[in-house]
Amino acid sequence: MTFNEPHTFAIQGYDVGLEAPGRCSILLRLFCRAGNSATEPYVVAHNVLLSHATVSDIYRKKYKASSIWLYIVPQGIRRLMNYIKQKYGNPVVIITENGNPSRQDGCNVQGYFAWSLLDNWEWAAGYTSRFGLYFIDYNDNLKRYPKNSVDWFKKLLKSA
């Protein structure tokens, strides 16, 4: 993925102005002070597509796996980790936003990135979606409170 939520980025940012950078020319400019809703979303979408096409081409030519397609299945990450261990001599692996093989398999998993450490801004929901490991109190100087998921995540990390 080269852009996170490209439709939201182009439309909300350059057509209706509700998201950054807040450009539009509609709704009597209630949400923004500059922009052209008739052209800017298309220019942005065009540039997003061009950049994605460039990166996709580089990926296909230099980095794509030799298989016809890679399928994502729940048990797949464990099988993949064991394959990497056997085929490539158990290199260090850091998993992002996906499963975690067990220690008994002997896979050299050195890190795991959870989504997300902190509550944050979501395009469509603002600060109302609370899925971070730590709750942020936006009304009390951004004070952080660990959720129950912090304890669960600690146990997960210790077991791997």
N, C-alpha and C. Protein backbone atom coordinates (compact mmCIF):
# COMPACT_ATOMS: atom_id res chain seq x y z
N MET A 1 0.86 -1.17 0.00
CA MET A 1 0.00 0.00 0.00
C MET A 1 0.90 1.23 0.00
N THR A 2 0.73 2.08 -0.96
CA THR A 2 1.56 3.28 -1.06
C THR A 2 0.94 4.49 -0.38
N PHE A 3 -0.37 4.53 -0.28
CA PHE A 3 -1.06 5.61 0.42
C PHE A 3 -2.10 5.00 1.33
N ASN A 4 -2.21 5.53 2.54
CA ASN A 4 -3.24 5.07 3.45
C ASN A 4 -4.55 5.77 3.10
N GLU A 5 -5.55 4.99 2.74
CA GLU A 5 -6.89 5.50 2.41
C GLU A 5 -6.84 6.61 1.36
N PRO A 6 -6.43 6.29 0.13
CA PRO A 6 -6.29 7.33 -0.89
C PRO A 6 -7.60 8.05 -1.23
N HIS A 7 -8.72 7.35 -1.20
CA HIS A 7 -10.00 8.01 -1.49
C HIS A 7 -10.30 9.07 -0.44
N THR A 8 -10.12 8.70 0.82
CA THR A 8 -10.36 9.66 1.90
C THR A 8 -9.42 10.84 1.78
N PHE A 9 -8.17 10.56 1.50
CA PHE A 9 -7.15 11.60 1.35
C PHE A 9 -7.55 12.59 0.25
N ALA A 10 -7.96 12.08 -0.92
CA ALA A 10 -8.29 12.95 -2.05
C ALA A 10 -9.61 13.68 -1.85
N ILE A 11 -10.65 12.97 -1.47
CA ILE A 11 -11.99 13.57 -1.37
C ILE A 11 -12.13 14.43 -0.13
N GLN A 12 -11.82 13.86 1.04
CA GLN A 12 -11.99 14.63 2.28
C GLN A 12 -11.00 15.78 2.39
N GLY A 13 -9.83 15.63 1.80
CA GLY A 13 -8.81 16.68 1.91
C GLY A 13 -8.91 17.75 0.84
N TYR A 14 -9.40 17.38 -0.37
CA TYR A 14 -9.36 18.33 -1.48
C TYR A 14 -10.72 18.59 -2.13
N ASP A 15 -11.78 17.90 -1.70
CA ASP A 15 -13.10 18.14 -2.28
C ASP A 15 -14.03 18.79 -1.26
N VAL A 16 -14.15 18.18 -0.09
CA VAL A 16 -15.04 18.75 0.93
C VAL A 16 -14.28 19.46 2.04
N GLY A 17 -12.97 19.28 2.10
CA GLY A 17 -12.14 20.04 3.04
C GLY A 17 -12.25 19.66 4.49
N LEU A 18 -12.80 18.48 4.78
CA LEU A 18 -12.97 18.07 6.18
C LEU A 18 -11.69 17.50 6.78
N GLU A 19 -10.75 17.08 5.95
CA GLU A 19 -9.49 16.51 6.41
C GLU A 19 -8.34 17.34 5.85
N ALA A 20 -7.15 17.11 6.38
CA ALA A 20 -5.97 17.83 5.91
C ALA A 20 -5.77 17.56 4.42
N PRO A 21 -5.42 18.56 3.65
CA PRO A 21 -5.05 19.92 4.03
C PRO A 21 -6.23 20.90 4.08
N GLY A 22 -7.45 20.40 4.02
CA GLY A 22 -8.63 21.25 4.19
C GLY A 22 -8.90 22.19 3.03
N ARG A 23 -8.84 21.67 1.81
CA ARG A 23 -9.07 22.51 0.63
C ARG A 23 -10.41 22.14 -0.01
N CYS A 24 -11.15 23.17 -0.47
CA CYS A 24 -12.41 22.95 -1.18
C CYS A 24 -12.92 24.28 -1.71
N SER A 25 -13.97 24.19 -2.52
CA SER A 25 -14.63 25.41 -2.98
C SER A 25 -16.14 25.27 -2.88
N ILE A 26 -16.59 24.32 -2.08
CA ILE A 26 -18.02 24.07 -1.95
C ILE A 26 -18.52 24.48 -0.57
N LEU A 27 -19.81 24.37 -0.39
CA LEU A 27 -20.47 24.64 0.89
C LEU A 27 -20.15 26.03 1.43
N LEU A 28 -20.12 26.99 0.55
CA LEU A 28 -19.86 28.38 0.94
C LEU A 28 -18.58 28.53 1.75
N ARG A 29 -17.65 27.62 1.52
CA ARG A 29 -16.35 27.63 2.20
C ARG A 29 -16.48 27.58 3.73
N LEU A 30 -17.46 26.82 4.19
CA LEU A 30 -17.64 26.68 5.64
C LEU A 30 -16.49 25.93 6.29
N PHE A 31 -15.89 25.01 5.55
CA PHE A 31 -14.84 24.16 6.12
C PHE A 31 -13.44 24.55 5.67
N CYS A 32 -13.31 25.37 4.65
CA CYS A 32 -11.98 25.68 4.13
C CYS A 32 -11.99 27.05 3.45
N ARG A 33 -10.80 27.59 3.27
CA ARG A 33 -10.69 28.94 2.71
C ARG A 33 -10.11 28.97 1.32
N ALA A 34 -9.57 27.87 0.85
CA ALA A 34 -8.95 27.86 -0.47
C ALA A 34 -9.16 26.50 -1.12
N GLY A 35 -9.02 26.46 -2.42
CA GLY A 35 -9.10 25.20 -3.14
C GLY A 35 -10.12 25.25 -4.26
N ASN A 36 -10.10 24.21 -5.08
CA ASN A 36 -11.02 24.09 -6.19
C ASN A 36 -11.54 22.66 -6.22
N SER A 37 -12.75 22.46 -5.75
CA SER A 37 -13.33 21.12 -5.65
C SER A 37 -13.58 20.48 -7.00
N ALA A 38 -13.62 21.28 -8.06
CA ALA A 38 -13.87 20.74 -9.39
C ALA A 38 -12.63 20.09 -9.99
N THR A 39 -11.44 20.52 -9.58
CA THR A 39 -10.23 19.98 -10.20
C THR A 39 -9.26 19.32 -9.22
N GLU A 40 -9.09 19.88 -8.04
CA GLU A 40 -8.04 19.40 -7.13
C GLU A 40 -8.17 17.93 -6.74
N PRO A 41 -9.37 17.41 -6.44
CA PRO A 41 -9.43 15.98 -6.09
C PRO A 41 -8.93 15.09 -7.23
N TYR A 42 -9.19 15.51 -8.47
CA TYR A 42 -8.75 14.72 -9.62
C TYR A 42 -7.24 14.81 -9.81
N VAL A 43 -6.68 15.98 -9.60
CA VAL A 43 -5.23 16.15 -9.70
C VAL A 43 -4.55 15.29 -8.62
N VAL A 44 -5.08 15.35 -7.41
CA VAL A 44 -4.52 14.56 -6.31
C VAL A 44 -4.64 13.07 -6.62
N ALA A 45 -5.82 12.62 -7.04
CA ALA A 45 -6.02 11.20 -7.35
C ALA A 45 -5.09 10.77 -8.49
N HIS A 46 -4.93 11.62 -9.49
CA HIS A 46 -4.02 11.34 -10.60
C HIS A 46 -2.59 11.13 -10.09
N ASN A 47 -2.13 12.03 -9.24
CA ASN A 47 -0.77 11.92 -8.71
C ASN A 47 -0.61 10.72 -7.78
N VAL A 48 -1.64 10.41 -7.01
CA VAL A 48 -1.60 9.21 -6.17
C VAL A 48 -1.47 7.97 -7.05
N LEU A 49 -2.25 7.91 -8.13
CA LEU A 49 -2.17 6.76 -9.04
C LEU A 49 -0.80 6.67 -9.71
N LEU A 50 -0.25 7.80 -10.14
CA LEU A 50 1.08 7.80 -10.76
C LEU A 50 2.14 7.29 -9.79
N SER A 51 2.09 7.78 -8.56
CA SER A 51 3.10 7.35 -7.59
C SER A 51 2.93 5.88 -7.24
N HIS A 52 1.68 5.44 -7.12
CA HIS A 52 1.43 4.03 -6.84
C HIS A 52 1.91 3.16 -8.00
N ALA A 53 1.64 3.58 -9.22
CA ALA A 53 2.08 2.82 -10.39
C ALA A 53 3.59 2.72 -10.45
N THR A 54 4.28 3.80 -10.12
CA THR A 54 5.74 3.78 -10.12
C THR A 54 6.27 2.79 -9.09
N VAL A 55 5.74 2.86 -7.88
CA VAL A 55 6.18 1.95 -6.83
C VAL A 55 5.81 0.51 -7.18
N SER A 56 4.62 0.29 -7.73
CA SER A 56 4.21 -1.06 -8.11
C SER A 56 5.14 -1.64 -9.17
N ASP A 57 5.54 -0.82 -10.12
CA ASP A 57 6.46 -1.27 -11.16
C ASP A 57 7.81 -1.66 -10.56
N ILE A 58 8.32 -0.83 -9.67
CA ILE A 58 9.59 -1.15 -9.00
C ILE A 58 9.45 -2.44 -8.21
N TYR A 59 8.34 -2.58 -7.50
CA TYR A 59 8.11 -3.80 -6.71
C TYR A 59 8.10 -5.03 -7.62
N ARG A 60 7.33 -4.98 -8.71
CA ARG A 60 7.25 -6.12 -9.61
C ARG A 60 8.61 -6.50 -10.19
N LYS A 61 9.41 -5.50 -10.53
CA LYS A 61 10.70 -5.77 -11.17
C LYS A 61 11.79 -6.20 -10.20
N LYS A 62 11.76 -5.70 -8.96
CA LYS A 62 12.88 -5.94 -8.06
C LYS A 62 12.56 -6.77 -6.82
N TYR A 63 11.32 -6.77 -6.35
CA TYR A 63 11.05 -7.35 -5.04
C TYR A 63 9.99 -8.44 -4.99
N LYS A 64 9.20 -8.58 -6.01
CA LYS A 64 8.08 -9.53 -5.97
C LYS A 64 8.57 -10.96 -5.79
N ALA A 65 7.86 -11.71 -4.98
CA ALA A 65 8.20 -13.12 -4.76
C ALA A 65 8.01 -13.90 -6.06
N SER A 66 8.66 -15.02 -6.15
CA SER A 66 8.60 -15.80 -7.38
C SER A 66 7.28 -16.56 -7.55
N SER A 67 6.48 -16.65 -6.50
CA SER A 67 5.20 -17.34 -6.62
C SER A 67 4.22 -16.50 -7.42
N ILE A 68 3.19 -17.17 -7.96
CA ILE A 68 2.18 -16.46 -8.74
C ILE A 68 1.42 -15.47 -7.87
N TRP A 69 1.13 -15.87 -6.64
CA TRP A 69 0.40 -14.99 -5.72
C TRP A 69 0.66 -15.44 -4.29
N LEU A 70 0.64 -14.51 -3.37
CA LEU A 70 0.79 -14.84 -1.95
C LEU A 70 -0.56 -14.66 -1.29
N TYR A 71 -1.06 -15.71 -0.65
CA TYR A 71 -2.36 -15.66 0.00
C TYR A 71 -2.18 -15.44 1.49
N ILE A 72 -3.06 -14.64 2.06
CA ILE A 72 -3.02 -14.38 3.50
C ILE A 72 -4.12 -15.21 4.16
N VAL A 73 -3.71 -16.08 5.07
CA VAL A 73 -4.65 -16.91 5.82
C VAL A 73 -4.22 -16.86 7.29
N PRO A 74 -5.15 -17.05 8.22
CA PRO A 74 -4.80 -16.92 9.64
C PRO A 74 -3.60 -17.77 10.08
N GLN A 75 -3.52 -19.02 9.65
CA GLN A 75 -2.40 -19.87 10.06
C GLN A 75 -1.17 -19.66 9.19
N GLY A 76 -1.30 -18.82 8.18
CA GLY A 76 -0.22 -18.64 7.23
C GLY A 76 1.05 -18.03 7.80
N ILE A 77 0.94 -17.11 8.75
CA ILE A 77 2.14 -16.45 9.27
C ILE A 77 3.04 -17.46 9.98
N ARG A 78 2.45 -18.40 10.67
CA ARG A 78 3.26 -19.41 11.36
C ARG A 78 3.99 -20.30 10.35
N ARG A 79 3.28 -20.74 9.34
CA ARG A 79 3.91 -21.56 8.30
C ARG A 79 5.01 -20.77 7.59
N LEU A 80 4.73 -19.51 7.31
CA LEU A 80 5.72 -18.67 6.65
C LEU A 80 6.97 -18.51 7.49
N MET A 81 6.80 -18.29 8.79
CA MET A 81 7.96 -18.13 9.67
C MET A 81 8.81 -19.40 9.70
N ASN A 82 8.14 -20.55 9.73
CA ASN A 82 8.89 -21.81 9.72
C ASN A 82 9.60 -22.03 8.38
N TYR A 83 8.97 -21.63 7.30
CA TYR A 83 9.61 -21.74 5.98
C TYR A 83 10.86 -20.85 5.93
N ILE A 84 10.73 -19.62 6.40
CA ILE A 84 11.87 -18.69 6.41
C ILE A 84 12.98 -19.25 7.28
N LYS A 85 12.62 -19.80 8.41
CA LYS A 85 13.61 -20.39 9.32
C LYS A 85 14.40 -21.50 8.61
N GLN A 86 13.69 -22.40 7.95
CA GLN A 86 14.34 -23.53 7.29
C GLN A 86 15.09 -23.12 6.02
N LYS A 87 14.49 -22.27 5.22
CA LYS A 87 15.06 -21.92 3.92
C LYS A 87 16.23 -20.95 4.04
N TYR A 88 16.15 -20.00 4.99
CA TYR A 88 17.14 -18.92 5.05
C TYR A 88 17.96 -18.90 6.33
N GLY A 89 17.94 -19.97 7.10
CA GLY A 89 18.79 -20.05 8.27
C GLY A 89 18.32 -19.25 9.47
N ASN A 90 17.02 -19.10 9.60
CA ASN A 90 16.44 -18.46 10.78
C ASN A 90 16.90 -17.02 11.00
N PRO A 91 16.73 -16.15 10.00
CA PRO A 91 17.14 -14.75 10.18
C PRO A 91 16.21 -14.03 11.16
N VAL A 92 16.64 -12.88 11.64
CA VAL A 92 15.80 -12.06 12.51
C VAL A 92 14.59 -11.59 11.70
N VAL A 93 13.41 -11.69 12.29
CA VAL A 93 12.17 -11.27 11.65
C VAL A 93 11.41 -10.36 12.61
N ILE A 94 10.84 -9.30 12.07
CA ILE A 94 9.96 -8.43 12.85
C ILE A 94 8.60 -8.45 12.18
N ILE A 95 7.58 -8.85 12.92
CA ILE A 95 6.23 -8.99 12.39
C ILE A 95 5.47 -7.68 12.60
N THR A 96 4.75 -7.25 11.58
CA THR A 96 3.95 -6.03 11.70
C THR A 96 2.47 -6.37 11.52
N GLU A 97 1.68 -6.03 12.50
CA GLU A 97 0.22 -6.13 12.46
C GLU A 97 -0.32 -7.50 12.06
N ASN A 98 0.34 -8.55 12.41
CA ASN A 98 -0.16 -9.87 12.05
C ASN A 98 0.38 -10.88 13.04
N GLY A 99 -0.08 -12.08 12.95
CA GLY A 99 0.19 -13.16 13.89
C GLY A 99 1.58 -13.28 14.47
N ASN A 100 1.78 -14.28 15.31
CA ASN A 100 3.04 -14.47 16.02
C ASN A 100 3.27 -15.96 16.21
N PRO A 101 4.33 -16.53 15.61
CA PRO A 101 4.57 -17.97 15.80
C PRO A 101 5.01 -18.26 17.22
N SER A 102 4.80 -19.48 17.65
CA SER A 102 5.17 -19.82 19.03
C SER A 102 6.66 -20.04 19.16
N ARG A 103 7.18 -19.85 20.36
CA ARG A 103 8.60 -20.02 20.64
C ARG A 103 9.03 -21.46 20.38
N GLN A 104 8.15 -22.40 20.61
CA GLN A 104 8.53 -23.80 20.43
C GLN A 104 8.93 -24.12 19.01
N ASP A 105 8.50 -23.32 18.04
CA ASP A 105 8.92 -23.53 16.65
C ASP A 105 10.35 -23.08 16.42
N GLY A 106 10.88 -22.28 17.33
CA GLY A 106 12.26 -21.83 17.21
C GLY A 106 12.48 -20.74 16.18
N CYS A 107 11.43 -20.06 15.75
CA CYS A 107 11.59 -18.98 14.77
C CYS A 107 12.20 -17.77 15.46
N ASN A 108 13.06 -17.08 14.75
CA ASN A 108 13.83 -15.97 15.32
C ASN A 108 13.06 -14.65 15.21
N VAL A 109 11.89 -14.60 15.81
CA VAL A 109 11.08 -13.38 15.79
C VAL A 109 11.61 -12.47 16.89
N GLN A 110 12.11 -11.31 16.49
CA GLN A 110 12.72 -10.37 17.44
C GLN A 110 11.82 -9.18 17.75
N GLY A 111 10.72 -9.04 17.02
CA GLY A 111 9.85 -7.90 17.28
C GLY A 111 8.46 -8.13 16.73
N TYR A 112 7.52 -7.38 17.27
CA TYR A 112 6.13 -7.44 16.84
C TYR A 112 5.53 -6.05 17.01
N PHE A 113 4.94 -5.52 15.96
CA PHE A 113 4.32 -4.20 16.03
C PHE A 113 2.81 -4.36 16.15
N ALA A 114 2.26 -3.87 17.22
CA ALA A 114 0.81 -3.89 17.40
C ALA A 114 0.21 -2.65 16.75
N TRP A 115 -1.02 -2.75 16.33
CA TRP A 115 -1.73 -1.57 15.85
C TRP A 115 -2.84 -1.30 16.84
N SER A 116 -2.73 -0.34 17.61
CA SER A 116 -1.76 0.73 17.64
C SER A 116 -1.35 0.95 19.09
N LEU A 117 -0.18 1.52 19.30
CA LEU A 117 0.29 1.79 20.66
C LEU A 117 -0.64 2.75 21.38
N LEU A 118 -1.01 3.82 20.71
CA LEU A 118 -1.83 4.86 21.33
C LEU A 118 -3.09 5.10 20.53
N ASP A 119 -4.12 5.59 21.19
CA ASP A 119 -5.29 6.08 20.46
C ASP A 119 -4.81 7.20 19.56
N ASN A 120 -5.37 7.29 18.37
CA ASN A 120 -4.91 8.32 17.44
C ASN A 120 -6.05 8.80 16.55
N TRP A 121 -5.72 9.68 15.63
CA TRP A 121 -6.69 10.25 14.71
C TRP A 121 -7.01 9.26 13.61
N GLU A 122 -8.28 9.00 13.38
CA GLU A 122 -8.74 8.18 12.27
C GLU A 122 -9.49 9.07 11.30
N TRP A 123 -9.23 8.89 10.01
CA TRP A 123 -9.82 9.76 8.99
C TRP A 123 -11.32 9.96 9.18
N ALA A 124 -12.07 8.87 9.26
CA ALA A 124 -13.53 8.99 9.28
C ALA A 124 -14.11 9.18 10.67
N ALA A 125 -13.36 8.83 11.72
CA ALA A 125 -13.91 8.86 13.07
C ALA A 125 -13.24 9.87 13.99
N GLY A 126 -12.25 10.57 13.48
CA GLY A 126 -11.54 11.53 14.33
C GLY A 126 -10.89 10.84 15.50
N TYR A 127 -11.03 11.42 16.69
CA TYR A 127 -10.45 10.83 17.90
C TYR A 127 -11.43 9.92 18.63
N THR A 128 -12.55 9.57 17.99
CA THR A 128 -13.56 8.75 18.68
C THR A 128 -13.25 7.26 18.64
N SER A 129 -12.44 6.80 17.70
CA SER A 129 -12.05 5.38 17.65
C SER A 129 -10.90 5.16 18.61
N ARG A 130 -11.11 4.34 19.59
CA ARG A 130 -10.11 4.11 20.63
C ARG A 130 -9.61 2.67 20.53
N PHE A 131 -8.57 2.44 19.75
CA PHE A 131 -8.06 1.08 19.61
C PHE A 131 -6.59 0.95 19.98
N GLY A 132 -6.02 1.94 20.61
CA GLY A 132 -4.64 1.85 21.06
C GLY A 132 -4.50 1.02 22.32
N LEU A 133 -3.28 0.59 22.60
CA LEU A 133 -3.02 -0.14 23.84
C LEU A 133 -3.16 0.80 25.04
N TYR A 134 -2.92 2.08 24.81
CA TYR A 134 -3.04 3.09 25.87
C TYR A 134 -4.15 4.07 25.52
N PHE A 135 -5.02 4.33 26.48
CA PHE A 135 -6.08 5.33 26.34
C PHE A 135 -5.46 6.70 26.55
N ILE A 136 -5.78 7.64 25.69
CA ILE A 136 -5.30 9.01 25.84
C ILE A 136 -6.47 9.88 26.27
N ASP A 137 -6.30 10.58 27.38
CA ASP A 137 -7.32 11.51 27.87
C ASP A 137 -7.06 12.87 27.22
N TYR A 138 -7.82 13.17 26.20
CA TYR A 138 -7.63 14.42 25.46
C TYR A 138 -8.05 15.65 26.27
N ASN A 139 -8.76 15.42 27.38
CA ASN A 139 -9.20 16.53 28.21
C ASN A 139 -8.31 16.77 29.42
N ASP A 140 -7.28 15.95 29.60
CA ASP A 140 -6.39 16.07 30.76
C ASP A 140 -4.93 16.04 30.32
N ASN A 141 -4.55 17.01 29.51
CA ASN A 141 -3.16 17.18 29.08
C ASN A 141 -2.57 15.92 28.44
N LEU A 142 -3.42 15.18 27.70
CA LEU A 142 -3.01 13.97 26.98
C LEU A 142 -2.45 12.88 27.89
N LYS A 143 -2.97 12.79 29.09
CA LYS A 143 -2.54 11.76 30.04
C LYS A 143 -2.86 10.38 29.46
N ARG A 144 -1.92 9.43 29.64
CA ARG A 144 -2.07 8.08 29.11
C ARG A 144 -2.45 7.10 30.22
N TYR A 145 -3.37 6.19 29.89
CA TYR A 145 -3.79 5.14 30.81
C TYR A 145 -3.68 3.80 30.10
N PRO A 146 -2.97 2.83 30.69
CA PRO A 146 -2.88 1.52 30.04
C PRO A 146 -4.23 0.81 30.08
N LYS A 147 -4.60 0.19 28.96
CA LYS A 147 -5.82 -0.61 28.89
C LYS A 147 -5.49 -2.05 29.27
N ASN A 148 -6.51 -2.87 29.44
CA ASN A 148 -6.29 -4.29 29.73
C ASN A 148 -5.47 -4.97 28.65
N SER A 149 -5.56 -4.45 27.43
CA SER A 149 -4.81 -5.04 26.33
C SER A 149 -3.30 -4.93 26.52
N VAL A 150 -2.84 -3.99 27.34
CA VAL A 150 -1.40 -3.86 27.62
C VAL A 150 -0.91 -5.12 28.32
N ASP A 151 -1.65 -5.60 29.32
CA ASP A 151 -1.26 -6.83 30.01
C ASP A 151 -1.27 -8.02 29.06
N TRP A 152 -2.30 -8.10 28.22
CA TRP A 152 -2.38 -9.18 27.25
C TRP A 152 -1.18 -9.13 26.31
N PHE A 153 -0.84 -7.94 25.83
CA PHE A 153 0.27 -7.80 24.89
C PHE A 153 1.60 -8.16 25.54
N LYS A 154 1.78 -7.79 26.81
CA LYS A 154 3.00 -8.17 27.53
C LYS A 154 3.14 -9.68 27.59
N LYS A 155 2.03 -10.37 27.89
CA LYS A 155 2.06 -11.84 27.94
C LYS A 155 2.39 -12.42 26.57
N LEU A 156 1.81 -11.84 25.53
CA LEU A 156 2.10 -12.30 24.17
C LEU A 156 3.58 -12.18 23.87
N LEU A 157 4.17 -11.04 24.20
CA LEU A 157 5.58 -10.83 23.91
C LEU A 157 6.47 -11.77 24.71
N LYS A 158 6.11 -12.04 25.95
CA LYS A 158 6.91 -12.95 26.78
C LYS A 158 6.82 -14.39 26.29
N SER A 159 5.69 -14.75 25.67
CA SER A 159 5.50 -16.13 25.22
C SER A 159 6.17 -16.41 23.89
N ALA A 160 6.57 -15.37 23.19
CA ALA A 160 7.13 -15.57 21.84
C ALA A 160 8.63 -15.74 21.87
